[in-house]
Amino acid sequence: MTTTARQLIVNAIENGTVLDHIPSENLFKVVDILNLAESQNQITIGSNLESKSFGRKGIIKVADRYFEDNELNRIALVAPQATINIIKDYKVIEKHKISIPEEVFGIGKCANPMCVTNHQKIATRFKTIVEGDRINLLCHFCEKTTNIINL
């Protein structure tokens, strides 16, 4: 008895962005960060796909959309090993690893209930601190460090 491998073919996108190497457990956090549930763009989401480097990974293809730096900064906090592929005319014209920014603005909520950002209309500002696989945020205003990110 012989077996044949079956493979599902997903159409390539003509123009847009492919986010690859997203940890499977954070895939839907990325979907939420990018507000893809509200998008009218064609979206392909793959979860728990085999990866030689990561074991399992997630991937998101979004046609006709390119992400802003503030969106990529949010993604970096939950998927720092993700890669971004910019597609034009069915070709990858740019590919790079996501980078964790030194500072993030207007992202998340300070864990300190007494922080001024929790009582006034002041955008949050955090310095990112990378410790191994963990990313901590140091509040610019109250200097509280947290690893809980309320995106």
C-alpha atoms as a PDB file:
ATOM      1  CA  MET A   1       0.000   0.000   0.000  1.00  0.00           C
ATOM      2  CA  THR A   2       1.390   3.360  -0.963  1.00  0.00           C
ATOM      3  CA  THR A   3       0.478   6.709   0.441  1.00  0.00           C
ATOM      4  CA  THR A   4       0.667  10.008  -1.283  1.00  0.00           C
ATOM      5  CA  ALA A   5       1.203  13.275   0.449  1.00  0.00           C
ATOM      6  CA  ARG A   6      -1.626  15.714   0.089  1.00  0.00           C
ATOM      7  CA  GLN A   7      -0.947  19.375   0.018  1.00  0.00           C
ATOM      8  CA  LEU A   8      -3.396  22.212   0.102  1.00  0.00           C
ATOM      9  CA  ILE A   9      -2.416  24.922  -2.329  1.00  0.00           C
ATOM     10  CA  VAL A  10      -3.112  28.473  -1.186  1.00  0.00           C
ATOM     11  CA  ASN A  11      -3.116  31.089  -3.876  1.00  0.00           C
ATOM     12  CA  ALA A  12      -0.306  33.571  -3.873  1.00  0.00           C
ATOM     13  CA  ILE A  13      -1.255  37.194  -3.340  1.00  0.00           C
ATOM     14  CA  GLU A  14      -0.553  39.713  -6.069  1.00  0.00           C
ATOM     15  CA  ASN A  15       0.171  42.595  -3.691  1.00  0.00           C
ATOM     16  CA  GLY A  16       0.238  42.796   0.086  1.00  0.00           C
ATOM     17  CA  THR A  17       2.023  41.485   3.153  1.00  0.00           C
ATOM     18  CA  VAL A  18       2.852  38.024   4.439  1.00  0.00           C
ATOM     19  CA  LEU A  19       3.658  37.651   8.135  1.00  0.00           C
ATOM     20  CA  ASP A  20       5.495  34.389   8.698  1.00  0.00           C
ATOM     21  CA  HIS A  21       7.069  32.557  11.661  1.00  0.00           C
ATOM     22  CA  ILE A  22       4.441  33.743  14.133  1.00  0.00           C
ATOM     23  CA  PRO A  23       4.361  31.515  17.237  1.00  0.00           C
ATOM     24  CA  SER A  24       1.169  29.454  16.911  1.00  0.00           C
ATOM     25  CA  GLU A  25       0.069  30.373  20.426  1.00  0.00           C
ATOM     26  CA  ASN A  26       0.216  34.090  19.512  1.00  0.00           C
ATOM     27  CA  LEU A  27      -1.275  33.904  16.017  1.00  0.00           C
ATOM     28  CA  PHE A  28      -4.693  35.186  17.016  1.00  0.00           C
ATOM     29  CA  LYS A  29      -3.161  37.944  19.155  1.00  0.00           C
ATOM     30  CA  VAL A  30      -1.580  39.200  15.932  1.00  0.00           C
ATOM     31  CA  VAL A  31      -4.951  38.903  14.165  1.00  0.00           C
ATOM     32  CA  ASP A  32      -6.458  41.062  16.950  1.00  0.00           C
ATOM     33  CA  ILE A  33      -3.587  43.578  16.938  1.00  0.00           C
ATOM     34  CA  LEU A  34      -4.075  44.123  13.209  1.00  0.00           C
ATOM     35  CA  ASN A  35      -7.870  44.210  13.596  1.00  0.00           C
ATOM     36  CA  LEU A  36      -8.167  41.730  10.738  1.00  0.00           C
ATOM     37  CA  ALA A  37     -11.681  40.655  11.735  1.00  0.00           C
ATOM     38  CA  GLU A  38     -12.863  44.050  10.481  1.00  0.00           C
ATOM     39  CA  SER A  39     -10.794  44.002   7.295  1.00  0.00           C
ATOM     40  CA  GLN A  40     -12.335  43.791   3.839  1.00  0.00           C
ATOM     41  CA  ASN A  41      -9.047  42.519   2.370  1.00  0.00           C
ATOM     42  CA  GLN A  42      -8.513  38.918   1.320  1.00  0.00           C
ATOM     43  CA  ILE A  43      -6.847  37.205   4.285  1.00  0.00           C
ATOM     44  CA  THR A  44      -5.326  33.751   4.597  1.00  0.00           C
ATOM     45  CA  ILE A  45      -4.458  32.457   8.059  1.00  0.00           C
ATOM     46  CA  GLY A  46      -2.514  29.267   8.703  1.00  0.00           C
ATOM     47  CA  SER A  47      -2.138  27.903  12.226  1.00  0.00           C
ATOM     48  CA  ASN A  48       0.082  25.146  13.617  1.00  0.00           C
ATOM     49  CA  LEU A  49       1.971  24.730  10.365  1.00  0.00           C
ATOM     50  CA  GLU A  50       5.171  22.709  10.411  1.00  0.00           C
ATOM     51  CA  SER A  51       8.357  24.733  10.723  1.00  0.00           C
ATOM     52  CA  LYS A  52      11.910  23.409  10.701  1.00  0.00           C
ATOM     53  CA  SER A  53      13.069  26.304  12.883  1.00  0.00           C
ATOM     54  CA  PHE A  54      10.164  26.636  15.323  1.00  0.00           C
ATOM     55  CA  GLY A  55       8.369  23.290  15.326  1.00  0.00           C
ATOM     56  CA  ARG A  56       4.980  24.916  14.761  1.00  0.00           C
ATOM     57  CA  LYS A  57       4.223  28.345  13.379  1.00  0.00           C
ATOM     58  CA  GLY A  58       1.473  30.598  12.137  1.00  0.00           C
ATOM     59  CA  ILE A  59       1.289  32.609   8.937  1.00  0.00           C
ATOM     60  CA  ILE A  60      -0.956  35.462   7.810  1.00  0.00           C
ATOM     61  CA  LYS A  61      -1.325  36.699   4.220  1.00  0.00           C
ATOM     62  CA  VAL A  62      -3.133  39.989   3.705  1.00  0.00           C
ATOM     63  CA  ALA A  63      -3.791  41.126   0.146  1.00  0.00           C
ATOM     64  CA  ASP A  64      -3.445  44.805  -0.759  1.00  0.00           C
ATOM     65  CA  ARG A  65      -2.349  45.949   2.682  1.00  0.00           C
ATOM     66  CA  TYR A  66       0.991  47.087   4.057  1.00  0.00           C
ATOM     67  CA  PHE A  67       1.432  47.617   7.772  1.00  0.00           C
ATOM     68  CA  GLU A  68       2.452  50.778   9.575  1.00  0.00           C
ATOM     69  CA  ASP A  69       5.382  50.909  12.003  1.00  0.00           C
ATOM     70  CA  ASN A  70       3.078  51.168  15.021  1.00  0.00           C
ATOM     71  CA  GLU A  71       1.346  47.943  13.956  1.00  0.00           C
ATOM     72  CA  LEU A  72       4.673  46.175  13.444  1.00  0.00           C
ATOM     73  CA  ASN A  73       5.851  47.398  16.860  1.00  0.00           C
ATOM     74  CA  ARG A  74       2.824  45.774  18.470  1.00  0.00           C
ATOM     75  CA  ILE A  75       3.432  42.543  16.578  1.00  0.00           C
ATOM     76  CA  ALA A  76       7.074  42.567  17.704  1.00  0.00           C
ATOM     77  CA  LEU A  77       5.924  42.414  21.324  1.00  0.00           C
ATOM     78  CA  VAL A  78       4.027  39.124  20.833  1.00  0.00           C
ATOM     79  CA  ALA A  79       5.936  37.630  17.873  1.00  0.00           C
ATOM     80  CA  PRO A  80       9.519  38.953  17.956  1.00  0.00           C
ATOM     81  CA  GLN A  81      10.779  36.194  15.625  1.00  0.00           C
ATOM     82  CA  ALA A  82       8.213  36.923  12.905  1.00  0.00           C
ATOM     83  CA  THR A  83       9.275  37.793   9.386  1.00  0.00           C
ATOM     84  CA  ILE A  84       7.599  40.263   7.056  1.00  0.00           C
ATOM     85  CA  ASN A  85       7.405  39.729   3.300  1.00  0.00           C
ATOM     86  CA  ILE A  86       6.243  42.592   1.100  1.00  0.00           C
ATOM     87  CA  ILE A  87       4.659  41.283  -2.094  1.00  0.00           C
ATOM     88  CA  LYS A  88       4.266  43.236  -5.339  1.00  0.00           C
ATOM     89  CA  ASP A  89       3.222  41.657  -8.643  1.00  0.00           C
ATOM     90  CA  TYR A  90       3.375  38.197  -7.005  1.00  0.00           C
ATOM     91  CA  LYS A  91       7.052  38.675  -6.097  1.00  0.00           C
ATOM     92  CA  VAL A  92       8.698  39.167  -2.707  1.00  0.00           C
ATOM     93  CA  ILE A  93      10.330  42.571  -3.090  1.00  0.00           C
ATOM     94  CA  GLU A  94      11.295  42.948   0.552  1.00  0.00           C
ATOM     95  CA  LYS A  95      11.829  40.456   3.338  1.00  0.00           C
ATOM     96  CA  HIS A  96      13.024  41.160   6.835  1.00  0.00           C
ATOM     97  CA  LYS A  97      12.717  40.006  10.406  1.00  0.00           C
ATOM     98  CA  ILE A  98      10.536  42.055  12.641  1.00  0.00           C
ATOM     99  CA  SER A  99      12.553  44.112  15.105  1.00  0.00           C
ATOM    100  CA  ILE A 100      11.703  44.915  18.672  1.00  0.00           C
ATOM    101  CA  PRO A 101      11.635  48.690  19.027  1.00  0.00           C
ATOM    102  CA  GLU A 102      13.608  50.388  21.808  1.00  0.00           C
ATOM    103  CA  GLU A 103      10.492  52.310  22.792  1.00  0.00           C
ATOM    104  CA  VAL A 104       6.798  51.891  22.128  1.00  0.00           C
ATOM    105  CA  PHE A 105       4.213  54.649  22.269  1.00  0.00           C
ATOM    106  CA  GLY A 106       0.475  54.425  22.760  1.00  0.00           C
ATOM    107  CA  ILE A 107       0.616  50.648  23.067  1.00  0.00           C
ATOM    108  CA  GLY A 108      -0.715  48.715  26.022  1.00  0.00           C
ATOM    109  CA  LYS A 109      -1.602  49.874  29.476  1.00  0.00           C
ATOM    110  CA  CYS A 110       0.682  50.452  32.431  1.00  0.00           C
ATOM    111  CA  ALA A 111       0.197  47.816  35.137  1.00  0.00           C
ATOM    112  CA  ASN A 112       0.587  50.435  37.874  1.00  0.00           C
ATOM    113  CA  PRO A 113      -2.942  51.583  38.800  1.00  0.00           C
ATOM    114  CA  MET A 114      -1.471  54.843  40.116  1.00  0.00           C
ATOM    115  CA  CYS A 115       0.347  55.692  36.866  1.00  0.00           C
ATOM    116  CA  VAL A 116      -0.647  59.021  35.348  1.00  0.00           C
ATOM    117  CA  THR A 117      -1.456  57.268  32.048  1.00  0.00           C
ATOM    118  CA  ASN A 118      -4.286  55.415  33.801  1.00  0.00           C
ATOM    119  CA  HIS A 119      -5.868  58.642  35.089  1.00  0.00           C
ATOM    120  CA  GLN A 120      -5.267  61.240  32.387  1.00  0.00           C
ATOM    121  CA  LYS A 121      -5.400  61.299  28.606  1.00  0.00           C
ATOM    122  CA  ILE A 122      -1.689  60.681  28.198  1.00  0.00           C
ATOM    123  CA  ALA A 123      -0.409  58.144  25.698  1.00  0.00           C
ATOM    124  CA  THR A 124       1.640  55.362  27.216  1.00  0.00           C
ATOM    125  CA  ARG A 125       5.362  55.293  26.601  1.00  0.00           C
ATOM    126  CA  PHE A 126       7.452  52.235  27.413  1.00  0.00           C
ATOM    127  CA  LYS A 127      11.081  51.252  27.024  1.00  0.00           C
ATOM    128  CA  THR A 128      11.363  47.625  25.905  1.00  0.00           C
ATOM    129  CA  ILE A 129      13.637  45.363  27.908  1.00  0.00           C
ATOM    130  CA  VAL A 130      14.504  42.016  26.355  1.00  0.00           C
ATOM    131  CA  GLU A 131      15.513  39.302  28.802  1.00  0.00           C
ATOM    132  CA  GLY A 132      15.987  36.019  26.959  1.00  0.00           C
ATOM    133  CA  ASP A 133      12.609  35.088  25.475  1.00  0.00           C
ATOM    134  CA  ARG A 134      10.724  37.606  27.611  1.00  0.00           C
ATOM    135  CA  ILE A 135       9.944  41.171  26.704  1.00  0.00           C
ATOM    136  CA  ASN A 136       9.281  43.538  29.588  1.00  0.00           C
ATOM    137  CA  LEU A 137       8.010  47.078  29.371  1.00  0.00           C
ATOM    138  CA  LEU A 138       9.381  49.877  31.558  1.00  0.00           C
ATOM    139  CA  CYS A 139       6.929  52.757  31.936  1.00  0.00           C
ATOM    140  CA  HIS A 140       8.462  56.129  31.127  1.00  0.00           C
ATOM    141  CA  PHE A 141       6.212  57.912  33.627  1.00  0.00           C
ATOM    142  CA  CYS A 142       6.155  55.737  36.768  1.00  0.00           C
ATOM    143  CA  GLU A 143       9.084  53.376  36.035  1.00  0.00           C
ATOM    144  CA  LYS A 144       6.965  50.290  36.724  1.00  0.00           C
ATOM    145  CA  THR A 145       8.202  47.214  34.859  1.00  0.00           C
ATOM    146  CA  THR A 146       5.675  44.724  33.592  1.00  0.00           C
ATOM    147  CA  ASN A 147       5.648  41.693  31.374  1.00  0.00           C
ATOM    148  CA  ILE A 148       1.876  41.752  31.051  1.00  0.00           C
ATOM    149  CA  ILE A 149       0.976  43.477  27.797  1.00  0.00           C
ATOM    150  CA  ASN A 150      -2.587  44.695  27.416  1.00  0.00           C
ATOM    151  CA  LEU A 151      -2.669  45.262  23.689  1.00  0.00           C
END
